[in-house]
Structures are given as structure tokens and as C-alpha cells.
Amino acid sequence: MADKPSRSLILYGDGLARFIDPSSSHTNLHSLASLSSCAFLTLSNSNSNFNPSETEDDRIVREFTLLLDASQIHDEQTLPDRFMGMKAAIMTNHSGLKSFSTKLGFSVVQLDGLVKQHASESQDSDIVAVEILKLLGFQEGKVLDNSQFDLVFIHVGAGEKDNGSEQNADVEFVDALVGAIMRQAQPGSDVGSRLHLSVVMSYGKVLEDDESKFSVSKKVDEKDSCFLTLYPLQSYAMKGGVPRKDVRLHSPMLIAQLQHAVTRKDNVQRFTFQDFMKNGGNLTIPADRFLHEIAFKMWKAPKYGA
């Protein structure tokens, strides 16, 4: 545990996980994974992507709601109410998330506006990263005593197009931004010791073969089927000691988290489902626990779980 509260930056690539190149491209995402603690966030089956009546905009808001554990929160319960006065901002171009986030107490920053204001046509990610970190009180390599926000949430990938071109461009943007942030938060630096960076990548709309390709369920071998009733449910399948009935066992969100001298490094080398499955240190947790874990690092919530 750090001797001072963390300040959190969350980069959320909505529907972008399947567009990450596992080989030579997207080197910054792979570099981050190799230094981080990596895991899966399971989503819910209820109103899932197999529901033909659910629009892409509905899915985007629903999954964001799960990340914030806000599906059963009353209108009067804002983020500051739930997490000890937490000051949070969201950057997104999605109108539905802007409206929903405002009700939860987020300050909304237009993502396109920030990029256009502070970057050239080549999108100088270092300049954008500096401006984002200023919101968290990181300036010229130092940590200011007071910051405008405790948490900044950046949502990239609004799903307007299905041909993959926009999603590929979004992954390139996230990859470049990750590299720029890591250059600002070097090991041993003031920024690196206080910035808690989370990069979350989801699969978005579920495709027909995703269940077979991206399953997080480790099934008991058929030859040991007599022990099936003794095989315990994993923690992500439980809530309050009761089995969750709606947990989706495939197509999770991928998450890599890094704060120097705070998060534990595992054996993951690539930001891919297969590498996370084999070498991830944090295994699988429900998506609705994500913000609680972040808030704990920020000294805004008690520890959840072990």
C-alpha cells in the first residue's frame, strides 16, 4: 500500500480488444502489459449482446454502468456520495455516456476538443498526455498538493462504424497515448509513484464464435466428472456468498494496471486474451468491482475482497 493516495487515470477502449495486433504493432500496449498486473473483468449475461433489441448505444451505456457498479444506484447517489467526495472527469464523444455520467457526478470533457486543441494533425500524444495529467495535478514532473480531479476516465470507441477502420484508428490513438503517459510516469519519478493507470479493453458487440475463443471458464476434465459437484465456484461467480446467476463466462474486458511500487508485475508479455489467460496475475473479477478497487487505491473506499 502506498503512503499517499493514488490519482487514477482509466483508458477504456470500448469494443477495441479484438483490434489489437498481437505481434509487432501496438508496442506500447504490449509494453504496458509486460510491466503491469493483468486480469479479466467479467460482464453480465442480462440484456446481453445476443438480445436483438439492444442497440449499440444501449450496450455502450450498459457496460459502462457495470464498470461503475451503478446499475442499481438511485439518482441522488453520485460518485462523490459513494466514494468519499471523489472528484471525477470523463472524456468521451458519446452523447449517451455524457448524459449518464453527468447524473453520476462526473465533469464531462469533450475528447475531440482536447485532441484538436493541443495536438497537430499528427496528433502529438505527448502533448495530449501532459494536458490530461494536469487534470490530475501532475505538472512538469511534479505532483501538486491539490488537483482538479482525483480520477479521469477516457472512453474511446463509440461504435459508430462496423467496418473496422474507425476501431483500428482508435486503437492506434490509445496505443500512442499509453506510450506518452508511460514516458511521463517513469519508475522512480514523482508522477510514476502516484499515478494509478488502468487500461481496459472490451470486445464490444459479441460475435458468433466469441464464446469458444474467449472463455474464462476452466472446466473440469470430463474424466474427472465425478468430482464436478466438488469443484468450487470462482470468486468472480459469487456475490455476498451467493452464486451470481447472470455472469457471462466469455468475452470479458481485458485490464492492465500499473503504478510503480504499488501494483504487482505478473508474467504477461502481450496485451492479448491468450497471454492474460495463461500468465495474468489477478485472474478474473466481476466488472462491477472494478471501480471499488480503484477507489481503494485512492483512499476513497475500503478494500474489497482479499
C-alpha atoms as a PDB file:
ATOM      1  CA  MET A   1       0.000   0.000   0.000  1.00  0.00           C
ATOM      2  CA  ALA A   2       1.341   3.440  -0.941  1.00  0.00           C
ATOM      3  CA  ASP A   3       1.991   6.084   1.718  1.00  0.00           C
ATOM      4  CA  LYS A   4      -0.115   8.597  -0.224  1.00  0.00           C
ATOM      5  CA  PRO A   5      -3.394   8.214  -2.139  1.00  0.00           C
ATOM      6  CA  SER A   6      -3.151   7.426  -5.835  1.00  0.00           C
ATOM      7  CA  ARG A   7      -4.658   9.537  -8.581  1.00  0.00           C
ATOM      8  CA  SER A   8      -6.312   7.433 -11.211  1.00  0.00           C
ATOM      9  CA  LEU A   9      -6.318   7.551 -14.999  1.00  0.00           C
ATOM     10  CA  ILE A  10      -8.531   4.998 -16.781  1.00  0.00           C
ATOM     11  CA  LEU A  11      -8.250   4.480 -20.540  1.00  0.00           C
ATOM     12  CA  TYR A  12     -11.231   2.470 -21.767  1.00  0.00           C
ATOM     13  CA  GLY A  13     -11.092   1.071 -25.291  1.00  0.00           C
ATOM     14  CA  ASP A  14     -14.761   0.239 -25.839  1.00  0.00           C
ATOM     15  CA  GLY A  15     -15.003  -2.678 -28.290  1.00  0.00           C
ATOM     16  CA  LEU A  16     -11.332  -2.397 -29.253  1.00  0.00           C
ATOM     17  CA  ALA A  17      -9.846  -5.595 -27.783  1.00  0.00           C
ATOM     18  CA  ARG A  18     -10.319  -7.604 -30.974  1.00  0.00           C
ATOM     19  CA  PHE A  19      -8.424  -4.973 -32.997  1.00  0.00           C
ATOM     20  CA  ILE A  20      -5.171  -5.142 -31.004  1.00  0.00           C
ATOM     21  CA  ASP A  21      -2.360  -6.593 -33.098  1.00  0.00           C
ATOM     22  CA  PRO A  22      -0.746  -9.402 -31.046  1.00  0.00           C
ATOM     23  CA  SER A  23       2.523  -9.252 -32.983  1.00  0.00           C
ATOM     24  CA  SER A  24       4.608  -6.236 -33.974  1.00  0.00           C
ATOM     25  CA  SER A  25       2.103  -3.378 -33.847  1.00  0.00           C
ATOM     26  CA  HIS A  26       0.696  -1.641 -30.761  1.00  0.00           C
ATOM     27  CA  THR A  27       4.012  -1.940 -28.965  1.00  0.00           C
ATOM     28  CA  ASN A  28       3.015   0.483 -26.205  1.00  0.00           C
ATOM     29  CA  LEU A  29       0.032  -1.621 -25.143  1.00  0.00           C
ATOM     30  CA  HIS A  30       2.219  -4.722 -25.088  1.00  0.00           C
ATOM     31  CA  SER A  31       4.915  -2.876 -23.150  1.00  0.00           C
ATOM     32  CA  LEU A  32       2.366  -1.754 -20.586  1.00  0.00           C
ATOM     33  CA  ALA A  33       1.065  -5.315 -20.205  1.00  0.00           C
ATOM     34  CA  SER A  34       4.606  -6.601 -19.643  1.00  0.00           C
ATOM     35  CA  LEU A  35       5.044  -4.203 -16.698  1.00  0.00           C
ATOM     36  CA  SER A  36       1.559  -4.453 -15.230  1.00  0.00           C
ATOM     37  CA  SER A  37      -0.813  -6.582 -13.256  1.00  0.00           C
ATOM     38  CA  CYS A  38      -3.265  -8.042 -15.788  1.00  0.00           C
ATOM     39  CA  ALA A  39      -6.718  -9.547 -15.396  1.00  0.00           C
ATOM     40  CA  PHE A  40     -10.197 -10.045 -16.823  1.00  0.00           C
ATOM     41  CA  LEU A  41     -13.411  -8.234 -15.906  1.00  0.00           C
ATOM     42  CA  THR A  42     -16.490 -10.385 -16.437  1.00  0.00           C
ATOM     43  CA  LEU A  43     -19.713  -8.863 -17.699  1.00  0.00           C
ATOM     44  CA  SER A  44     -23.346  -9.810 -17.240  1.00  0.00           C
ATOM     45  CA  ASN A  45     -25.493 -12.006 -19.470  1.00  0.00           C
ATOM     46  CA  SER A  46     -28.602 -10.000 -18.714  1.00  0.00           C
ATOM     47  CA  ASN A  47     -29.678  -7.838 -21.661  1.00  0.00           C
ATOM     48  CA  SER A  48     -26.563  -9.101 -23.411  1.00  0.00           C
ATOM     49  CA  ASN A  49     -25.388  -8.513 -26.946  1.00  0.00           C
ATOM     50  CA  PHE A  50     -27.375 -11.538 -28.065  1.00  0.00           C
ATOM     51  CA  ASN A  51     -30.516  -9.517 -27.402  1.00  0.00           C
ATOM     52  CA  PRO A  52     -31.518  -8.272 -30.865  1.00  0.00           C
ATOM     53  CA  SER A  53     -33.414  -5.338 -29.396  1.00  0.00           C
ATOM     54  CA  GLU A  54     -30.317  -3.884 -27.755  1.00  0.00           C
ATOM     55  CA  THR A  55     -28.720  -1.136 -29.832  1.00  0.00           C
ATOM     56  CA  GLU A  56     -25.008  -0.413 -29.861  1.00  0.00           C
ATOM     57  CA  ASP A  57     -25.628   2.776 -27.914  1.00  0.00           C
ATOM     58  CA  ASP A  58     -27.546   0.764 -25.308  1.00  0.00           C
ATOM     59  CA  ARG A  59     -24.657  -1.680 -24.999  1.00  0.00           C
ATOM     60  CA  ILE A  60     -22.109   1.090 -24.540  1.00  0.00           C
ATOM     61  CA  VAL A  61     -24.052   2.665 -21.676  1.00  0.00           C
ATOM     62  CA  ARG A  62     -24.910  -0.717 -20.100  1.00  0.00           C
ATOM     63  CA  GLU A  63     -21.307  -1.905 -19.953  1.00  0.00           C
ATOM     64  CA  PHE A  64     -20.090   1.463 -18.674  1.00  0.00           C
ATOM     65  CA  THR A  65     -22.764   1.225 -15.984  1.00  0.00           C
ATOM     66  CA  LEU A  66     -21.355  -2.141 -14.910  1.00  0.00           C
ATOM     67  CA  LEU A  67     -17.826  -0.721 -14.675  1.00  0.00           C
ATOM     68  CA  LEU A  68     -19.128   1.917 -12.283  1.00  0.00           C
ATOM     69  CA  ASP A  69     -21.362  -0.544 -10.382  1.00  0.00           C
ATOM     70  CA  ALA A  70     -24.166   1.935 -10.955  1.00  0.00           C
ATOM     71  CA  SER A  71     -26.973  -0.264 -12.284  1.00  0.00           C
ATOM     72  CA  GLN A  72     -28.896  -0.128  -9.011  1.00  0.00           C
ATOM     73  CA  ILE A  73     -27.775   3.272  -7.803  1.00  0.00           C
ATOM     74  CA  HIS A  74     -30.505   5.792  -7.040  1.00  0.00           C
ATOM     75  CA  ASP A  75     -30.442   9.103  -8.867  1.00  0.00           C
ATOM     76  CA  GLU A  76     -29.405  11.003  -5.750  1.00  0.00           C
ATOM     77  CA  GLN A  77     -26.314   8.823  -5.213  1.00  0.00           C
ATOM     78  CA  THR A  78     -23.494  10.431  -7.150  1.00  0.00           C
ATOM     79  CA  LEU A  79     -19.877   9.329  -7.358  1.00  0.00           C
ATOM     80  CA  PRO A  80     -18.809  11.822  -4.650  1.00  0.00           C
ATOM     81  CA  ASP A  81     -21.561  10.452  -2.401  1.00  0.00           C
ATOM     82  CA  ARG A  82     -20.432   6.871  -2.864  1.00  0.00           C
ATOM     83  CA  PHE A  83     -16.666   7.409  -2.715  1.00  0.00           C
ATOM     84  CA  MET A  84     -15.802   9.999  -0.074  1.00  0.00           C
ATOM     85  CA  GLY A  85     -16.078  13.105  -2.212  1.00  0.00           C
ATOM     86  CA  MET A  86     -14.256  11.688  -5.235  1.00  0.00           C
ATOM     87  CA  LYS A  87     -13.785  14.294  -7.979  1.00  0.00           C
ATOM     88  CA  ALA A  88     -14.027  12.635 -11.387  1.00  0.00           C
ATOM     89  CA  ALA A  89     -13.982  13.683 -15.031  1.00  0.00           C
ATOM     90  CA  ILE A  90     -14.889  11.737 -18.139  1.00  0.00           C
ATOM     91  CA  MET A  91     -13.662  12.368 -21.665  1.00  0.00           C
ATOM     92  CA  THR A  92     -15.922  10.884 -24.308  1.00  0.00           C
ATOM     93  CA  ASN A  93     -17.552  11.720 -27.607  1.00  0.00           C
ATOM     94  CA  HIS A  94     -20.564   9.505 -26.890  1.00  0.00           C
ATOM     95  CA  SER A  95     -23.681  11.541 -26.117  1.00  0.00           C
ATOM     96  CA  GLY A  96     -25.328   8.788 -24.057  1.00  0.00           C
ATOM     97  CA  LEU A  97     -22.318   8.482 -21.757  1.00  0.00           C
ATOM     98  CA  LYS A  98     -22.120  12.251 -21.353  1.00  0.00           C
ATOM     99  CA  SER A  99     -25.705  12.415 -20.109  1.00  0.00           C
ATOM    100  CA  PHE A 100     -25.409   9.363 -17.873  1.00  0.00           C
ATOM    101  CA  SER A 101     -22.048  10.430 -16.415  1.00  0.00           C
ATOM    102  CA  THR A 102     -23.326  13.894 -15.568  1.00  0.00           C
ATOM    103  CA  LYS A 103     -26.099  12.341 -13.464  1.00  0.00           C
ATOM    104  CA  LEU A 104     -23.435  10.337 -11.608  1.00  0.00           C
ATOM    105  CA  GLY A 105     -21.433  13.442 -10.754  1.00  0.00           C
ATOM    106  CA  PHE A 106     -18.750  13.356 -13.451  1.00  0.00           C
ATOM    107  CA  SER A 107     -17.472  16.525 -15.068  1.00  0.00           C
ATOM    108  CA  VAL A 108     -17.608  15.996 -18.838  1.00  0.00           C
ATOM    109  CA  VAL A 109     -14.686  16.961 -21.081  1.00  0.00           C
ATOM    110  CA  GLN A 110     -15.016  16.691 -24.873  1.00  0.00           C
ATOM    111  CA  LEU A 111     -12.314  14.277 -26.019  1.00  0.00           C
ATOM    112  CA  ASP A 112     -12.157  15.581 -29.593  1.00  0.00           C
ATOM    113  CA  GLY A 113     -11.840  19.115 -28.296  1.00  0.00           C
ATOM    114  CA  LEU A 114      -8.801  18.265 -26.185  1.00  0.00           C
ATOM    115  CA  VAL A 115      -7.044  16.456 -29.040  1.00  0.00           C
ATOM    116  CA  LYS A 116      -7.725  19.216 -31.575  1.00  0.00           C
ATOM    117  CA  GLN A 117      -6.746  21.973 -29.173  1.00  0.00           C
ATOM    118  CA  HIS A 118      -3.432  20.531 -28.075  1.00  0.00           C
ATOM    119  CA  ALA A 119      -2.293  18.310 -30.933  1.00  0.00           C
ATOM    120  CA  SER A 120      -1.261  18.802 -34.529  1.00  0.00           C
ATOM    121  CA  GLU A 121      -2.611  16.781 -37.433  1.00  0.00           C
ATOM    122  CA  SER A 122      -0.100  14.092 -36.481  1.00  0.00           C
ATOM    123  CA  GLN A 123      -1.735  14.002 -33.030  1.00  0.00           C
ATOM    124  CA  ASP A 124       1.229  14.650 -30.767  1.00  0.00           C
ATOM    125  CA  SER A 125       0.244  12.257 -27.999  1.00  0.00           C
ATOM    126  CA  ASP A 126       2.883  13.601 -25.636  1.00  0.00           C
ATOM    127  CA  ILE A 127       1.178  16.997 -25.578  1.00  0.00           C
ATOM    128  CA  VAL A 128      -2.235  15.399 -25.079  1.00  0.00           C
ATOM    129  CA  ALA A 129      -0.856  13.237 -22.240  1.00  0.00           C
ATOM    130  CA  VAL A 130       0.597  16.292 -20.491  1.00  0.00           C
ATOM    131  CA  GLU A 131      -2.759  18.080 -20.642  1.00  0.00           C
ATOM    132  CA  ILE A 132      -4.615  15.035 -19.308  1.00  0.00           C
ATOM    133  CA  LEU A 133      -2.176  14.589 -16.436  1.00  0.00           C
ATOM    134  CA  LYS A 134      -2.558  18.248 -15.491  1.00  0.00           C
ATOM    135  CA  LEU A 135      -6.184  17.478 -14.621  1.00  0.00           C
ATOM    136  CA  LEU A 136      -4.858  15.045 -12.008  1.00  0.00           C
ATOM    137  CA  GLY A 137      -2.369  17.533 -10.555  1.00  0.00           C
ATOM    138  CA  PHE A 138       0.711  16.239 -12.362  1.00  0.00           C
ATOM    139  CA  GLN A 139       2.618  19.164 -13.810  1.00  0.00           C
ATOM    140  CA  GLU A 140       6.211  19.434 -15.060  1.00  0.00           C
ATOM    141  CA  GLY A 141       7.047  16.106 -13.472  1.00  0.00           C
ATOM    142  CA  LYS A 142       5.793  17.144 -10.050  1.00  0.00           C
ATOM    143  CA  VAL A 143       2.721  16.255  -8.016  1.00  0.00           C
ATOM    144  CA  LEU A 144       0.716  19.264  -6.886  1.00  0.00           C
ATOM    145  CA  ASP A 145      -0.840  19.100  -3.428  1.00  0.00           C
ATOM    146  CA  ASN A 146      -4.280  19.779  -4.883  1.00  0.00           C
ATOM    147  CA  SER A 147      -5.711  18.560  -8.166  1.00  0.00           C
ATOM    148  CA  GLN A 148      -8.780  19.406 -10.191  1.00  0.00           C
ATOM    149  CA  PHE A 149      -9.758  15.721 -10.265  1.00  0.00           C
ATOM    150  CA  ASP A 150      -8.927  12.518  -8.396  1.00  0.00           C
ATOM    151  CA  LEU A 151      -9.928  10.343 -11.340  1.00  0.00           C
ATOM    152  CA  VAL A 152     -10.031  10.878 -15.107  1.00  0.00           C
ATOM    153  CA  PHE A 153     -11.891   8.338 -17.243  1.00  0.00           C
ATOM    154  CA  ILE A 154     -11.221   8.377 -21.002  1.00  0.00           C
ATOM    155  CA  HIS A 155     -13.695   6.497 -23.191  1.00  0.00           C
ATOM    156  CA  VAL A 156     -12.531   5.741 -26.743  1.00  0.00           C
ATOM    157  CA  GLY A 157     -14.556   3.823 -29.316  1.00  0.00           C
ATOM    158  CA  ALA A 158     -18.182   4.813 -29.707  1.00  0.00           C
ATOM    159  CA  GLY A 159     -19.015   2.082 -32.234  1.00  0.00           C
ATOM    160  CA  GLU A 160     -20.394   4.300 -34.975  1.00  0.00           C
ATOM    161  CA  LYS A 161     -18.935   2.129 -37.762  1.00  0.00           C
ATOM    162  CA  ASP A 162     -18.713  -1.628 -38.234  1.00  0.00           C
ATOM    163  CA  ASN A 163     -16.068  -1.867 -40.971  1.00  0.00           C
ATOM    164  CA  GLY A 164     -13.137  -1.804 -38.551  1.00  0.00           C
ATOM    165  CA  SER A 165     -11.433   1.313 -39.945  1.00  0.00           C
ATOM    166  CA  GLU A 166     -12.511   3.598 -37.127  1.00  0.00           C
ATOM    167  CA  GLN A 167     -11.788   0.993 -34.475  1.00  0.00           C
ATOM    168  CA  ASN A 168      -8.269   0.479 -35.848  1.00  0.00           C
ATOM    169  CA  ALA A 169      -7.675   4.226 -35.685  1.00  0.00           C
ATOM    170  CA  ASP A 170      -8.988   4.264 -32.106  1.00  0.00           C
ATOM    171  CA  VAL A 171      -6.573   1.500 -31.084  1.00  0.00           C
ATOM    172  CA  GLU A 172      -3.705   3.449 -32.651  1.00  0.00           C
ATOM    173  CA  PHE A 173      -4.749   6.506 -30.640  1.00  0.00           C
ATOM    174  CA  VAL A 174      -4.936   4.548 -27.364  1.00  0.00           C
ATOM    175  CA  ASP A 175      -1.599   2.841 -28.071  1.00  0.00           C
ATOM    176  CA  ALA A 176       0.120   6.169 -28.712  1.00  0.00           C
ATOM    177  CA  LEU A 177      -1.464   7.760 -25.638  1.00  0.00           C
ATOM    178  CA  VAL A 178      -0.367   4.854 -23.440  1.00  0.00           C
ATOM    179  CA  GLY A 179       3.201   5.313 -24.647  1.00  0.00           C
ATOM    180  CA  ALA A 180       3.086   9.039 -23.930  1.00  0.00           C
ATOM    181  CA  ILE A 181       1.695   8.546 -20.426  1.00  0.00           C
ATOM    182  CA  MET A 182       4.323   5.920 -19.615  1.00  0.00           C
ATOM    183  CA  ARG A 183       7.049   8.381 -20.658  1.00  0.00           C
ATOM    184  CA  GLN A 184       5.630  10.877 -18.170  1.00  0.00           C
ATOM    185  CA  ALA A 185       5.343   8.284 -15.372  1.00  0.00           C
ATOM    186  CA  GLN A 186       8.773   6.672 -15.333  1.00  0.00           C
ATOM    187  CA  PRO A 187       9.835   4.393 -12.455  1.00  0.00           C
ATOM    188  CA  GLY A 188      11.223   6.465  -9.601  1.00  0.00           C
ATOM    189  CA  SER A 189       9.522   9.665 -10.739  1.00  0.00           C
ATOM    190  CA  ASP A 190       7.029  11.592  -8.649  1.00  0.00           C
ATOM    191  CA  VAL A 191       4.343  11.007 -11.273  1.00  0.00           C
ATOM    192  CA  GLY A 192       5.104   7.284 -11.552  1.00  0.00           C
ATOM    193  CA  SER A 193       4.739   6.827  -7.799  1.00  0.00           C
ATOM    194  CA  ARG A 194       1.297   8.460  -7.591  1.00  0.00           C
ATOM    195  CA  LEU A 195      -0.394   7.723 -10.936  1.00  0.00           C
ATOM    196  CA  HIS A 196      -2.529   4.592 -10.984  1.00  0.00           C
ATOM    197  CA  LEU A 197      -3.018   3.767 -14.670  1.00  0.00           C
ATOM    198  CA  SER A 198      -5.688   1.322 -15.832  1.00  0.00           C
ATOM    199  CA  VAL A 199      -6.117   0.349 -19.476  1.00  0.00           C
ATOM    200  CA  VAL A 200      -9.355  -1.542 -20.125  1.00  0.00           C
ATOM    201  CA  MET A 201     -10.176  -3.101 -23.494  1.00  0.00           C
ATOM    202  CA  SER A 202     -13.558  -4.708 -24.192  1.00  0.00           C
ATOM    203  CA  TYR A 203     -14.835  -6.832 -27.081  1.00  0.00           C
ATOM    204  CA  GLY A 204     -17.994  -4.785 -27.505  1.00  0.00           C
ATOM    205  CA  LYS A 205     -20.705  -6.483 -29.513  1.00  0.00           C
ATOM    206  CA  VAL A 206     -20.360 -10.255 -29.097  1.00  0.00           C
ATOM    207  CA  LEU A 207     -19.733 -12.223 -32.279  1.00  0.00           C
ATOM    208  CA  GLU A 208     -20.895 -15.759 -33.016  1.00  0.00           C
ATOM    209  CA  ASP A 209     -17.616 -17.553 -32.228  1.00  0.00           C
ATOM    210  CA  ASP A 210     -16.513 -15.410 -29.274  1.00  0.00           C
ATOM    211  CA  GLU A 211     -17.763 -17.920 -26.708  1.00  0.00           C
ATOM    212  CA  SER A 212     -15.372 -20.584 -27.968  1.00  0.00           C
ATOM    213  CA  LYS A 213     -12.443 -18.187 -28.475  1.00  0.00           C
ATOM    214  CA  PHE A 214     -12.588 -16.062 -25.324  1.00  0.00           C
ATOM    215  CA  SER A 215     -13.891 -18.244 -22.493  1.00  0.00           C
ATOM    216  CA  VAL A 216     -12.618 -17.544 -18.956  1.00  0.00           C
ATOM    217  CA  SER A 217     -14.204 -20.713 -17.565  1.00  0.00           C
ATOM    218  CA  LYS A 218     -11.804 -23.510 -16.697  1.00  0.00           C
ATOM    219  CA  LYS A 219     -13.967 -26.591 -16.926  1.00  0.00           C
ATOM    220  CA  VAL A 220     -13.266 -29.801 -15.044  1.00  0.00           C
ATOM    221  CA  ASP A 221     -11.931 -32.509 -17.357  1.00  0.00           C
ATOM    222  CA  GLU A 222     -14.618 -34.996 -18.404  1.00  0.00           C
ATOM    223  CA  LYS A 223     -12.694 -37.915 -16.914  1.00  0.00           C
ATOM    224  CA  ASP A 224     -12.973 -36.222 -13.513  1.00  0.00           C
ATOM    225  CA  SER A 225     -16.679 -35.524 -13.885  1.00  0.00           C
ATOM    226  CA  CYS A 226     -17.400 -37.423 -10.676  1.00  0.00           C
ATOM    227  CA  PHE A 227     -15.754 -34.524  -8.824  1.00  0.00           C
ATOM    228  CA  LEU A 228     -17.770 -31.879 -10.656  1.00  0.00           C
ATOM    229  CA  THR A 229     -20.002 -31.131  -7.659  1.00  0.00           C
ATOM    230  CA  LEU A 230     -16.887 -30.556  -5.523  1.00  0.00           C
ATOM    231  CA  TYR A 231     -15.355 -28.043  -7.934  1.00  0.00           C
ATOM    232  CA  PRO A 232     -15.750 -24.642  -6.231  1.00  0.00           C
ATOM    233  CA  LEU A 233     -17.165 -21.581  -7.925  1.00  0.00           C
ATOM    234  CA  GLN A 234     -14.537 -18.921  -8.543  1.00  0.00           C
ATOM    235  CA  SER A 235     -14.843 -15.588  -6.752  1.00  0.00           C
ATOM    236  CA  TYR A 236     -15.997 -13.761  -9.883  1.00  0.00           C
ATOM    237  CA  ALA A 237     -19.050 -16.049  -9.943  1.00  0.00           C
ATOM    238  CA  MET A 238     -20.047 -15.121  -6.383  1.00  0.00           C
ATOM    239  CA  LYS A 239     -21.521 -12.050  -4.700  1.00  0.00           C
ATOM    240  CA  GLY A 240     -22.201 -11.828  -0.988  1.00  0.00           C
ATOM    241  CA  GLY A 241     -21.640 -15.576  -0.664  1.00  0.00           C
ATOM    242  CA  VAL A 242     -24.362 -16.321  -3.222  1.00  0.00           C
ATOM    243  CA  PRO A 243     -23.673 -17.566  -6.768  1.00  0.00           C
ATOM    244  CA  ARG A 244     -24.221 -14.930  -9.456  1.00  0.00           C
ATOM    245  CA  LYS A 245     -26.865 -16.111 -11.926  1.00  0.00           C
ATOM    246  CA  ASP A 246     -26.044 -13.793 -14.804  1.00  0.00           C
ATOM    247  CA  VAL A 247     -22.233 -13.882 -15.113  1.00  0.00           C
ATOM    248  CA  ARG A 248     -21.017 -14.164 -18.717  1.00  0.00           C
ATOM    249  CA  LEU A 249     -18.156 -16.652 -18.963  1.00  0.00           C
ATOM    250  CA  HIS A 250     -16.707 -15.351 -22.206  1.00  0.00           C
ATOM    251  CA  SER A 251     -15.672 -12.126 -23.959  1.00  0.00           C
ATOM    252  CA  PRO A 252     -14.508 -10.339 -20.781  1.00  0.00           C
ATOM    253  CA  MET A 253     -12.845  -6.975 -20.604  1.00  0.00           C
ATOM    254  CA  LEU A 254      -9.043  -7.088 -20.524  1.00  0.00           C
ATOM    255  CA  ILE A 255      -7.404  -4.859 -17.930  1.00  0.00           C
ATOM    256  CA  ALA A 256      -3.770  -3.931 -17.289  1.00  0.00           C
ATOM    257  CA  GLN A 257      -2.946  -1.814 -14.233  1.00  0.00           C
ATOM    258  CA  LEU A 258       0.314  -0.071 -13.406  1.00  0.00           C
ATOM    259  CA  GLN A 259       1.523   2.060 -10.541  1.00  0.00           C
ATOM    260  CA  HIS A 260       5.203   1.764  -9.772  1.00  0.00           C
ATOM    261  CA  ALA A 261       5.920   0.162  -6.385  1.00  0.00           C
ATOM    262  CA  VAL A 262       2.185  -0.451  -5.822  1.00  0.00           C
ATOM    263  CA  THR A 263       0.859  -2.908  -8.433  1.00  0.00           C
ATOM    264  CA  ARG A 264       2.445  -6.331  -8.789  1.00  0.00           C
ATOM    265  CA  LYS A 265       4.024  -7.377 -12.056  1.00  0.00           C
ATOM    266  CA  ASP A 266       2.941 -10.759 -13.460  1.00  0.00           C
ATOM    267  CA  ASN A 267       4.274 -12.807 -16.379  1.00  0.00           C
ATOM    268  CA  VAL A 268       2.133 -11.312 -19.151  1.00  0.00           C
ATOM    269  CA  GLN A 269       4.109 -10.022 -22.137  1.00  0.00           C
ATOM    270  CA  ARG A 270       1.337  -9.198 -24.648  1.00  0.00           C
ATOM    271  CA  PHE A 271      -1.960  -7.371 -24.348  1.00  0.00           C
ATOM    272  CA  THR A 272      -3.927 -10.382 -25.608  1.00  0.00           C
ATOM    273  CA  PHE A 273      -6.625 -12.659 -24.227  1.00  0.00           C
ATOM    274  CA  GLN A 274      -4.409 -15.738 -24.555  1.00  0.00           C
ATOM    275  CA  ASP A 275      -1.491 -14.200 -22.649  1.00  0.00           C
ATOM    276  CA  PHE A 276      -3.762 -12.823 -19.918  1.00  0.00           C
ATOM    277  CA  MET A 277      -5.402 -16.244 -19.571  1.00  0.00           C
ATOM    278  CA  LYS A 278      -2.076 -18.037 -19.215  1.00  0.00           C
ATOM    279  CA  ASN A 279       0.019 -15.528 -17.300  1.00  0.00           C
ATOM    280  CA  GLY A 280      -2.267 -12.901 -15.737  1.00  0.00           C
ATOM    281  CA  GLY A 281      -1.707 -12.320 -12.037  1.00  0.00           C
ATOM    282  CA  ASN A 282      -5.136 -11.035 -10.985  1.00  0.00           C
ATOM    283  CA  LEU A 283      -7.162 -13.713 -12.805  1.00  0.00           C
ATOM    284  CA  THR A 284     -10.854 -12.711 -13.111  1.00  0.00           C
ATOM    285  CA  ILE A 285     -13.055 -10.295 -11.174  1.00  0.00           C
ATOM    286  CA  PRO A 286     -16.583  -9.013 -11.885  1.00  0.00           C
ATOM    287  CA  ALA A 287     -16.681  -5.726 -13.780  1.00  0.00           C
ATOM    288  CA  ASP A 288     -18.856  -4.186 -11.063  1.00  0.00           C
ATOM    289  CA  ARG A 289     -15.959  -4.489  -8.580  1.00  0.00           C
ATOM    290  CA  PHE A 290     -13.563  -2.523 -10.792  1.00  0.00           C
ATOM    291  CA  LEU A 291     -14.260   0.995  -9.523  1.00  0.00           C
ATOM    292  CA  HIS A 292     -14.278  -0.177  -5.904  1.00  0.00           C
ATOM    293  CA  GLU A 293     -10.729  -1.496  -6.331  1.00  0.00           C
ATOM    294  CA  ILE A 294      -9.638   1.766  -7.951  1.00  0.00           C
ATOM    295  CA  ALA A 295     -11.251   3.816  -5.170  1.00  0.00           C
ATOM    296  CA  PHE A 296      -9.349   1.790  -2.562  1.00  0.00           C
ATOM    297  CA  LYS A 297      -6.029   2.779  -4.171  1.00  0.00           C
ATOM    298  CA  MET A 298      -7.229   6.391  -3.998  1.00  0.00           C
ATOM    299  CA  TRP A 299      -8.130   6.056  -0.306  1.00  0.00           C
ATOM    300  CA  LYS A 300     -11.782   6.618  -1.217  1.00  0.00           C
ATOM    301  CA  ALA A 301     -13.164   3.170  -0.303  1.00  0.00           C
ATOM    302  CA  PRO A 302     -12.379   0.183   1.951  1.00  0.00           C
ATOM    303  CA  LYS A 303     -10.673  -2.862   0.498  1.00  0.00           C
ATOM    304  CA  TYR A 304     -12.970  -5.224  -1.401  1.00  0.00           C
ATOM    305  CA  GLY A 305     -12.185  -8.947  -1.150  1.00  0.00           C
ATOM    306  CA  ALA A 306      -8.858 -10.485  -0.201  1.00  0.00           C
END
